[in-house]
Amino acid sequence: QHDAPLQLRVSTLDHSEYIGRIAIGRIAAGTISTNEE
């Protein structure tokens, strides 16, 4: 759903010693942006 509110389920995790935990998944609805709350 492109116009619906954001939904992203975390399916796998990566980790970096510099930036910590990285969440990976497919966006099911909406969009996600840098610096978004």
PDB file of all heavy atoms in Angstrom:
ATOM      1  N   GLN A   1       0.858  -1.186   0.000  1.00  0.00           N
ATOM      2  CA  GLN A   1       0.000   0.000   0.000  1.00  0.00           C
ATOM      3  C   GLN A   1       0.895   1.238   0.000  1.00  0.00           C
ATOM      4  O   GLN A   1       1.506   1.568   1.022  1.00  0.00           O
ATOM      5  CB  GLN A   1      -0.906  -0.017   1.233  1.00  0.00           C
ATOM      6  CG  GLN A   1      -1.848  -1.223   1.287  1.00  0.00           C
ATOM      7  CD  GLN A   1      -2.591  -1.290   2.613  1.00  0.00           C
ATOM      8  OE1 GLN A   1      -2.024  -1.640   3.644  1.00  0.00           O
ATOM      9  NE2 GLN A   1      -3.866  -0.930   2.585  1.00  0.00           N
ATOM     10  N   HIS A   2       0.939   1.909  -1.119  1.00  0.00           N
ATOM     11  CA  HIS A   2       1.862   3.043  -1.257  1.00  0.00           C
ATOM     12  C   HIS A   2       1.406   4.264  -0.458  1.00  0.00           C
ATOM     13  O   HIS A   2       2.242   5.033   0.034  1.00  0.00           O
ATOM     14  CB  HIS A   2       2.024   3.411  -2.739  1.00  0.00           C
ATOM     15  CG  HIS A   2       2.729   2.355  -3.536  1.00  0.00           C
ATOM     16  ND1 HIS A   2       4.099   2.233  -3.576  1.00  0.00           N
ATOM     17  CD2 HIS A   2       2.237   1.351  -4.321  1.00  0.00           C
ATOM     18  CE1 HIS A   2       4.443   1.213  -4.347  1.00  0.00           C
ATOM     19  NE2 HIS A   2       3.334   0.660  -4.818  1.00  0.00           N
ATOM     20  N   ASP A   3       0.105   4.469  -0.333  1.00  0.00           N
ATOM     21  CA  ASP A   3      -0.400   5.690   0.301  1.00  0.00           C
ATOM     22  C   ASP A   3      -0.793   5.494   1.759  1.00  0.00           C
ATOM     23  O   ASP A   3      -1.287   6.436   2.390  1.00  0.00           O
ATOM     24  CB  ASP A   3      -1.619   6.209  -0.487  1.00  0.00           C
ATOM     25  CG  ASP A   3      -1.257   6.524  -1.933  1.00  0.00           C
ATOM     26  OD1 ASP A   3      -0.126   6.989  -2.158  1.00  0.00           O
ATOM     27  OD2 ASP A   3      -2.101   6.300  -2.821  1.00  0.00           O
ATOM     28  N   ALA A   4      -0.581   4.302   2.307  1.00  0.00           N
ATOM     29  CA  ALA A   4      -0.967   4.017   3.694  1.00  0.00           C
ATOM     30  C   ALA A   4       0.154   4.443   4.653  1.00  0.00           C
ATOM     31  O   ALA A   4       1.280   4.719   4.226  1.00  0.00           O
ATOM     32  CB  ALA A   4      -1.277   2.535   3.851  1.00  0.00           C
ATOM     33  N   PRO A   5      -0.136   4.511   5.965  1.00  0.00           N
ATOM     34  CA  PRO A   5       0.918   4.815   6.944  1.00  0.00           C
ATOM     35  C   PRO A   5       2.007   3.738   6.932  1.00  0.00           C
ATOM     36  O   PRO A   5       1.757   2.583   6.605  1.00  0.00           O
ATOM     37  CB  PRO A   5       0.167   4.818   8.285  1.00  0.00           C
ATOM     38  CG  PRO A   5      -1.261   5.065   7.932  1.00  0.00           C
ATOM     39  CD  PRO A   5      -1.467   4.426   6.596  1.00  0.00           C
ATOM     40  N   LEU A   6       3.204   4.140   7.305  1.00  0.00           N
ATOM     41  CA  LEU A   6       4.382   3.274   7.263  1.00  0.00           C
ATOM     42  C   LEU A   6       4.199   1.985   8.060  1.00  0.00           C
ATOM     43  O   LEU A   6       3.742   1.994   9.203  1.00  0.00           O
ATOM     44  CB  LEU A   6       5.595   4.033   7.813  1.00  0.00           C
ATOM     45  CG  LEU A   6       6.865   3.221   8.082  1.00  0.00           C
ATOM     46  CD1 LEU A   6       7.439   2.669   6.778  1.00  0.00           C
ATOM     47  CD2 LEU A   6       7.907   4.053   8.815  1.00  0.00           C
ATOM     48  N   GLN A   7       4.589   0.850   7.441  1.00  0.00           N
ATOM     49  CA  GLN A   7       4.686  -0.454   8.107  1.00  0.00           C
ATOM     50  C   GLN A   7       5.883  -1.203   7.529  1.00  0.00           C
ATOM     51  O   GLN A   7       5.951  -1.426   6.318  1.00  0.00           O
ATOM     52  CB  GLN A   7       3.425  -1.295   7.907  1.00  0.00           C
ATOM     53  CG  GLN A   7       2.232  -0.877   8.752  1.00  0.00           C
ATOM     54  CD  GLN A   7       1.064  -1.821   8.539  1.00  0.00           C
ATOM     55  OE1 GLN A   7       0.681  -2.099   7.401  1.00  0.00           O
ATOM     56  NE2 GLN A   7       0.499  -2.323   9.613  1.00  0.00           N
ATOM     57  N   LEU A   8       6.835  -1.570   8.377  1.00  0.00           N
ATOM     58  CA  LEU A   8       8.000  -2.347   7.957  1.00  0.00           C
ATOM     59  C   LEU A   8       8.292  -3.368   9.051  1.00  0.00           C
ATOM     60  O   LEU A   8       8.569  -2.989  10.190  1.00  0.00           O
ATOM     61  CB  LEU A   8       9.211  -1.437   7.736  1.00  0.00           C
ATOM     62  CG  LEU A   8      10.502  -2.050   7.172  1.00  0.00           C
ATOM     63  CD1 LEU A   8      11.366  -0.951   6.558  1.00  0.00           C
ATOM     64  CD2 LEU A   8      11.329  -2.801   8.210  1.00  0.00           C
ATOM     65  N   ARG A   9       8.175  -4.654   8.725  1.00  0.00           N
ATOM     66  CA  ARG A   9       8.488  -5.704   9.704  1.00  0.00           C
ATOM     67  C   ARG A   9       9.946  -6.110   9.555  1.00  0.00           C
ATOM     68  O   ARG A   9      10.411  -6.399   8.452  1.00  0.00           O
ATOM     69  CB  ARG A   9       7.583  -6.916   9.509  1.00  0.00           C
ATOM     70  CG  ARG A   9       7.862  -8.039  10.521  1.00  0.00           C
ATOM     71  CD  ARG A   9       6.841  -9.133  10.402  1.00  0.00           C
ATOM     72  NE  ARG A   9       6.768  -9.632   9.046  1.00  0.00           N
ATOM     73  CZ  ARG A   9       5.724 -10.302   8.543  1.00  0.00           C
ATOM     74  NH1 ARG A   9       4.681 -10.532   9.302  1.00  0.00           N
ATOM     75  NH2 ARG A   9       5.734 -10.727   7.294  1.00  0.00           N
ATOM     76  N   VAL A  10      10.663  -6.139  10.661  1.00  0.00           N
ATOM     77  CA  VAL A  10      12.080  -6.484  10.652  1.00  0.00           C
ATOM     78  C   VAL A  10      12.216  -7.991  10.459  1.00  0.00           C
ATOM     79  O   VAL A  10      11.761  -8.783  11.292  1.00  0.00           O
ATOM     80  CB  VAL A  10      12.769  -6.040  11.954  1.00  0.00           C
ATOM     81  CG1 VAL A  10      14.246  -6.413  11.924  1.00  0.00           C
ATOM     82  CG2 VAL A  10      12.598  -4.546  12.160  1.00  0.00           C
ATOM     83  N   SER A  11      12.850  -8.401   9.339  1.00  0.00           N
ATOM     84  CA  SER A  11      12.999  -9.819   9.021  1.00  0.00           C
ATOM     85  C   SER A  11      14.382 -10.354   9.344  1.00  0.00           C
ATOM     86  O   SER A  11      14.556 -11.548   9.568  1.00  0.00           O
ATOM     87  CB  SER A  11      12.695 -10.072   7.539  1.00  0.00           C
ATOM     88  OG  SER A  11      11.360  -9.725   7.237  1.00  0.00           O
ATOM     89  N   THR A  12      15.380  -9.488   9.331  1.00  0.00           N
ATOM     90  CA  THR A  12      16.738  -9.924   9.661  1.00  0.00           C
ATOM     91  C   THR A  12      17.512  -8.742  10.221  1.00  0.00           C
ATOM     92  O   THR A  12      17.108  -7.584  10.058  1.00  0.00           O
ATOM     93  CB  THR A  12      17.436 -10.519   8.421  1.00  0.00           C
ATOM     94  OG1 THR A  12      18.677 -11.089   8.798  1.00  0.00           O
ATOM     95  CG2 THR A  12      17.658  -9.466   7.356  1.00  0.00           C
ATOM     96  N   LEU A  13      18.619  -9.034  10.878  1.00  0.00           N
ATOM     97  CA  LEU A  13      19.431  -8.003  11.517  1.00  0.00           C
ATOM     98  C   LEU A  13      20.870  -8.086  11.029  1.00  0.00           C
ATOM     99  O   LEU A  13      21.378  -9.174  10.766  1.00  0.00           O
ATOM    100  CB  LEU A  13      19.424  -8.157  13.048  1.00  0.00           C
ATOM    101  CG  LEU A  13      18.119  -7.909  13.784  1.00  0.00           C
ATOM    102  CD1 LEU A  13      18.281  -8.277  15.251  1.00  0.00           C
ATOM    103  CD2 LEU A  13      17.685  -6.457  13.665  1.00  0.00           C
ATOM    104  N   ASP A  14      21.492  -6.934  10.916  1.00  0.00           N
ATOM    105  CA  ASP A  14      22.926  -6.854  10.691  1.00  0.00           C
ATOM    106  C   ASP A  14      23.501  -6.016  11.831  1.00  0.00           C
ATOM    107  O   ASP A  14      22.755  -5.400  12.596  1.00  0.00           O
ATOM    108  CB  ASP A  14      23.221  -6.218   9.330  1.00  0.00           C
ATOM    109  CG  ASP A  14      24.630  -6.533   8.835  1.00  0.00           C
ATOM    110  OD1 ASP A  14      25.383  -7.190   9.588  1.00  0.00           O
ATOM    111  OD2 ASP A  14      24.958  -6.134   7.710  1.00  0.00           O
ATOM    112  N   HIS A  15      24.813  -6.019  11.960  1.00  0.00           N
ATOM    113  CA  HIS A  15      25.426  -5.279  13.055  1.00  0.00           C
ATOM    114  C   HIS A  15      26.720  -4.658  12.586  1.00  0.00           C
ATOM    115  O   HIS A  15      27.492  -5.264  11.831  1.00  0.00           O
ATOM    116  CB  HIS A  15      25.688  -6.201  14.255  1.00  0.00           C
ATOM    117  CG  HIS A  15      26.199  -5.471  15.466  1.00  0.00           C
ATOM    118  ND1 HIS A  15      27.540  -5.250  15.690  1.00  0.00           N
ATOM    119  CD2 HIS A  15      25.540  -4.888  16.488  1.00  0.00           C
ATOM    120  CE1 HIS A  15      27.685  -4.570  16.810  1.00  0.00           C
ATOM    121  NE2 HIS A  15      26.487  -4.337  17.316  1.00  0.00           N
ATOM    122  N   SER A  16      26.958  -3.431  12.995  1.00  0.00           N
ATOM    123  CA  SER A  16      28.205  -2.729  12.718  1.00  0.00           C
ATOM    124  C   SER A  16      28.765  -2.208  14.036  1.00  0.00           C
ATOM    125  O   SER A  16      28.013  -1.674  14.859  1.00  0.00           O
ATOM    126  CB  SER A  16      27.968  -1.564  11.750  1.00  0.00           C
ATOM    127  OG  SER A  16      29.088  -0.699  11.726  1.00  0.00           O
ATOM    128  N   GLU A  17      30.058  -2.376  14.237  1.00  0.00           N
ATOM    129  CA  GLU A  17      30.668  -1.891  15.478  1.00  0.00           C
ATOM    130  C   GLU A  17      30.668  -0.376  15.544  1.00  0.00           C
ATOM    131  O   GLU A  17      30.870   0.210  16.610  1.00  0.00           O
ATOM    132  CB  GLU A  17      32.087  -2.418  15.620  1.00  0.00           C
ATOM    133  CG  GLU A  17      33.007  -2.062  14.461  1.00  0.00           C
ATOM    134  CD  GLU A  17      34.380  -2.696  14.584  1.00  0.00           C
ATOM    135  OE1 GLU A  17      34.538  -3.861  14.170  1.00  0.00           O
ATOM    136  OE2 GLU A  17      35.278  -2.014  15.108  1.00  0.00           O
ATOM    137  N   TYR A  18      30.416   0.298  14.416  1.00  0.00           N
ATOM    138  CA  TYR A  18      30.405   1.760  14.391  1.00  0.00           C
ATOM    139  C   TYR A  18      29.001   2.326  14.583  1.00  0.00           C
ATOM    140  O   TYR A  18      28.831   3.336  15.277  1.00  0.00           O
ATOM    141  CB  TYR A  18      30.981   2.266  13.068  1.00  0.00           C
ATOM    142  CG  TYR A  18      32.379   1.772  12.790  1.00  0.00           C
ATOM    143  CD1 TYR A  18      32.618   0.815  11.811  1.00  0.00           C
ATOM    144  CD2 TYR A  18      33.464   2.251  13.518  1.00  0.00           C
ATOM    145  CE1 TYR A  18      33.906   0.351  11.551  1.00  0.00           C
ATOM    146  CE2 TYR A  18      34.751   1.788  13.277  1.00  0.00           C
ATOM    147  CZ  TYR A  18      34.962   0.840  12.300  1.00  0.00           C
ATOM    148  OH  TYR A  18      36.233   0.367  12.064  1.00  0.00           O
ATOM    149  N   ILE A  19      28.005   1.715  13.951  1.00  0.00           N
ATOM    150  CA  ILE A  19      26.649   2.287  13.994  1.00  0.00           C
ATOM    151  C   ILE A  19      25.641   1.391  14.700  1.00  0.00           C
ATOM    152  O   ILE A  19      24.476   1.727  14.798  1.00  0.00           O
ATOM    153  CB  ILE A  19      26.145   2.611  12.571  1.00  0.00           C
ATOM    154  CG1 ILE A  19      26.221   1.382  11.662  1.00  0.00           C
ATOM    155  CG2 ILE A  19      26.934   3.755  11.977  1.00  0.00           C
ATOM    156  CD1 ILE A  19      25.725   1.620  10.245  1.00  0.00           C
ATOM    157  N   GLY A  20      26.087   0.250  15.225  1.00  0.00           N
ATOM    158  CA  GLY A  20      25.204  -0.607  16.013  1.00  0.00           C
ATOM    159  C   GLY A  20      24.322  -1.504  15.163  1.00  0.00           C
ATOM    160  O   GLY A  20      24.686  -1.903  14.062  1.00  0.00           O
ATOM    161  N   ARG A  21      23.137  -1.772  15.666  1.00  0.00           N
ATOM    162  CA  ARG A  21      22.233  -2.733  15.036  1.00  0.00           C
ATOM    163  C   ARG A  21      21.550  -2.135  13.814  1.00  0.00           C
ATOM    164  O   ARG A  21      21.134  -0.978  13.816  1.00  0.00           O
ATOM    165  CB  ARG A  21      21.188  -3.187  16.060  1.00  0.00           C
ATOM    166  CG  ARG A  21      20.482  -4.469  15.690  1.00  0.00           C
ATOM    167  CD  ARG A  21      19.524  -4.905  16.777  1.00  0.00           C
ATOM    168  NE  ARG A  21      20.238  -5.356  17.969  1.00  0.00           N
ATOM    169  CZ  ARG A  21      19.637  -5.994  18.985  1.00  0.00           C
ATOM    170  NH1 ARG A  21      18.349  -6.234  18.940  1.00  0.00           N
ATOM    171  NH2 ARG A  21      20.325  -6.375  20.030  1.00  0.00           N
ATOM    172  N   ILE A  22      21.454  -2.940  12.746  1.00  0.00           N
ATOM    173  CA  ILE A  22      20.837  -2.516  11.488  1.00  0.00           C
ATOM    174  C   ILE A  22      19.643  -3.433  11.214  1.00  0.00           C
ATOM    175  O   ILE A  22      19.799  -4.650  11.136  1.00  0.00           O
ATOM    176  CB  ILE A  22      21.847  -2.590  10.327  1.00  0.00           C
ATOM    177  CG1 ILE A  22      23.083  -1.722  10.631  1.00  0.00           C
ATOM    178  CG2 ILE A  22      21.198  -2.165   9.018  1.00  0.00           C
ATOM    179  CD1 ILE A  22      24.235  -1.962   9.679  1.00  0.00           C
ATOM    180  N   ALA A  23      18.460  -2.853  11.086  1.00  0.00           N
ATOM    181  CA  ALA A  23      17.235  -3.621  10.841  1.00  0.00           C
ATOM    182  C   ALA A  23      16.986  -3.719   9.342  1.00  0.00           C
ATOM    183  O   ALA A  23      17.051  -2.711   8.637  1.00  0.00           O
ATOM    184  CB  ALA A  23      16.050  -2.955  11.532  1.00  0.00           C
ATOM    185  N   ILE A  24      16.687  -4.925   8.856  1.00  0.00           N
ATOM    186  CA  ILE A  24      16.447  -5.152   7.430  1.00  0.00           C
ATOM    187  C   ILE A  24      15.063  -5.779   7.251  1.00  0.00           C
ATOM    188  O   ILE A  24      14.702  -6.718   7.968  1.00  0.00           O
ATOM    189  CB  ILE A  24      17.529  -6.072   6.832  1.00  0.00           C
ATOM    190  CG1 ILE A  24      18.912  -5.425   6.961  1.00  0.00           C
ATOM    191  CG2 ILE A  24      17.232  -6.382   5.361  1.00  0.00           C
ATOM    192  CD1 ILE A  24      20.058  -6.334   6.588  1.00  0.00           C
ATOM    193  N   GLY A  25      14.303  -5.264   6.318  1.00  0.00           N
ATOM    194  CA  GLY A  25      12.969  -5.818   6.050  1.00  0.00           C
ATOM    195  C   GLY A  25      12.361  -5.178   4.819  1.00  0.00           C
ATOM    196  O   GLY A  25      12.931  -4.252   4.222  1.00  0.00           O
ATOM    197  N   ARG A  26      11.191  -5.665   4.431  1.00  0.00           N
ATOM    198  CA  ARG A  26      10.479  -5.104   3.281  1.00  0.00           C
ATOM    199  C   ARG A  26       9.404  -4.149   3.770  1.00  0.00           C
ATOM    200  O   ARG A  26       8.667  -4.454   4.709  1.00  0.00           O
ATOM    201  CB  ARG A  26       9.838  -6.215   2.446  1.00  0.00           C
ATOM    202  CG  ARG A  26       9.244  -5.707   1.149  1.00  0.00           C
ATOM    203  CD  ARG A  26       8.591  -6.805   0.349  1.00  0.00           C
ATOM    204  NE  ARG A  26       7.342  -7.250   0.950  1.00  0.00           N
ATOM    205  CZ  ARG A  26       6.491  -8.081   0.368  1.00  0.00           C
ATOM    206  NH1 ARG A  26       6.761  -8.572  -0.810  1.00  0.00           N
ATOM    207  NH2 ARG A  26       5.397  -8.448   0.974  1.00  0.00           N
ATOM    208  N   ILE A  27       9.307  -2.999   3.125  1.00  0.00           N
ATOM    209  CA  ILE A  27       8.290  -2.014   3.490  1.00  0.00           C
ATOM    210  C   ILE A  27       6.947  -2.491   2.940  1.00  0.00           C
ATOM    211  O   ILE A  27       6.775  -2.628   1.728  1.00  0.00           O
ATOM    212  CB  ILE A  27       8.642  -0.617   2.944  1.00  0.00           C
ATOM    213  CG1 ILE A  27      10.029  -0.189   3.439  1.00  0.00           C
ATOM    214  CG2 ILE A  27       7.592   0.398   3.369  1.00  0.00           C
ATOM    215  CD1 ILE A  27      10.516   1.110   2.818  1.00  0.00           C
ATOM    216  N   ALA A  28       5.987  -2.744   3.837  1.00  0.00           N
ATOM    217  CA  ALA A  28       4.674  -3.236   3.420  1.00  0.00           C
ATOM    218  C   ALA A  28       3.721  -2.100   3.082  1.00  0.00           C
ATOM    219  O   ALA A  28       2.763  -2.289   2.331  1.00  0.00           O
ATOM    220  CB  ALA A  28       4.069  -4.103   4.526  1.00  0.00           C
ATOM    221  N   ALA A  29       3.971  -0.915   3.638  1.00  0.00           N
ATOM    222  CA  ALA A  29       3.094   0.225   3.375  1.00  0.00           C
ATOM    223  C   ALA A  29       3.855   1.517   3.631  1.00  0.00           C
ATOM    224  O   ALA A  29       4.731   1.578   4.501  1.00  0.00           O
ATOM    225  CB  ALA A  29       1.852   0.163   4.272  1.00  0.00           C
ATOM    226  N   GLY A  30       3.508   2.561   2.859  1.00  0.00           N
ATOM    227  CA  GLY A  30       4.059   3.887   3.096  1.00  0.00           C
ATOM    228  C   GLY A  30       5.510   4.032   2.660  1.00  0.00           C
ATOM    229  O   GLY A  30       6.017   3.274   1.835  1.00  0.00           O
ATOM    230  N   THR A  31       6.172   5.029   3.229  1.00  0.00           N
ATOM    231  CA  THR A  31       7.570   5.311   2.941  1.00  0.00           C
ATOM    232  C   THR A  31       8.318   5.535   4.248  1.00  0.00           C
ATOM    233  O   THR A  31       7.715   5.848   5.271  1.00  0.00           O
ATOM    234  CB  THR A  31       7.723   6.569   2.061  1.00  0.00           C
ATOM    235  OG1 THR A  31       7.144   7.692   2.759  1.00  0.00           O
ATOM    236  CG2 THR A  31       7.036   6.401   0.721  1.00  0.00           C
ATOM    237  N   ILE A  32       9.638   5.383   4.197  1.00  0.00           N
ATOM    238  CA  ILE A  32      10.481   5.660   5.358  1.00  0.00           C
ATOM    239  C   ILE A  32      11.612   6.565   4.906  1.00  0.00           C
ATOM    240  O   ILE A  32      12.186   6.367   3.826  1.00  0.00           O
ATOM    241  CB  ILE A  32      11.006   4.362   6.000  1.00  0.00           C
ATOM    242  CG1 ILE A  32      11.731   4.663   7.307  1.00  0.00           C
ATOM    243  CG2 ILE A  32      11.898   3.573   5.050  1.00  0.00           C
ATOM    244  CD1 ILE A  32      12.020   3.419   8.142  1.00  0.00           C
ATOM    245  N   SER A  33      11.916   7.583   5.729  1.00  0.00           N
ATOM    246  CA  SER A  33      12.887   8.600   5.329  1.00  0.00           C
ATOM    247  C   SER A  33      13.967   8.756   6.390  1.00  0.00           C
ATOM    248  O   SER A  33      13.747   8.462   7.574  1.00  0.00           O
ATOM    249  CB  SER A  33      12.192   9.957   5.115  1.00  0.00           C
ATOM    250  OG  SER A  33      11.132   9.847   4.192  1.00  0.00           O
ATOM    251  N   THR A  34      15.113   9.256   5.973  1.00  0.00           N
ATOM    252  CA  THR A  34      16.195   9.590   6.894  1.00  0.00           C
ATOM    253  C   THR A  34      15.727  10.676   7.864  1.00  0.00           C
ATOM    254  O   THR A  34      15.026  11.613   7.466  1.00  0.00           O
ATOM    255  CB  THR A  34      17.420  10.087   6.100  1.00  0.00           C
ATOM    256  OG1 THR A  34      17.846   9.044   5.215  1.00  0.00           O
ATOM    257  CG2 THR A  34      18.558  10.450   7.028  1.00  0.00           C
ATOM    258  N   ASN A  35      16.075  10.518   9.138  1.00  0.00           N
ATOM    259  CA  ASN A  35      15.721  11.449  10.225  1.00  0.00           C
ATOM    260  C   ASN A  35      14.237  11.456  10.571  1.00  0.00           C
ATOM    261  O   ASN A  35      13.779  12.317  11.327  1.00  0.00           O
ATOM    262  CB  ASN A  35      16.173  12.885   9.905  1.00  0.00           C
ATOM    263  CG  ASN A  35      17.680  13.018   9.875  1.00  0.00           C
ATOM    264  OD1 ASN A  35      18.378  12.378  10.654  1.00  0.00           O
ATOM    265  ND2 ASN A  35      18.188  13.830   8.963  1.00  0.00           N
ATOM    266  N   GLU A  36      13.492  10.483  10.067  1.00  0.00           N
ATOM    267  CA  GLU A  36      12.063  10.415  10.389  1.00  0.00           C
ATOM    268  C   GLU A  36      11.854   9.842  11.792  1.00  0.00           C
ATOM    269  O   GLU A  36      12.546   8.911  12.207  1.00  0.00           O
ATOM    270  CB  GLU A  36      11.350   9.537   9.362  1.00  0.00           C
ATOM    271  CG  GLU A  36       9.846   9.398   9.604  1.00  0.00           C
ATOM    272  CD  GLU A  36       9.169   8.510   8.568  1.00  0.00           C
ATOM    273  OE1 GLU A  36       9.846   8.093   7.606  1.00  0.00           O
ATOM    274  OE2 GLU A  36       7.972   8.225   8.728  1.00  0.00           O
ATOM    275  N   GLU A  37      10.898  10.396  12.521  1.00  0.00           N
ATOM    276  CA  GLU A  37      10.540   9.851  13.832  1.00  0.00           C
ATOM    277  C   GLU A  37       9.479   8.773  13.636  1.00  0.00           C
ATOM    278  O   GLU A  37       8.485   8.999  12.933  1.00  0.00           O
ATOM    279  CB  GLU A  37      10.019  10.947  14.757  1.00  0.00           C
ATOM    280  CG  GLU A  37       9.937  10.517  16.216  1.00  0.00           C
ATOM    281  CD  GLU A  37       9.611  11.667  17.154  1.00  0.00           C
ATOM    282  OE1 GLU A  37       9.609  12.824  16.697  1.00  0.00           O
ATOM    283  OE2 GLU A  37       9.342  11.391  18.337  1.00  0.00           O
TER     284      GLU A  37
END
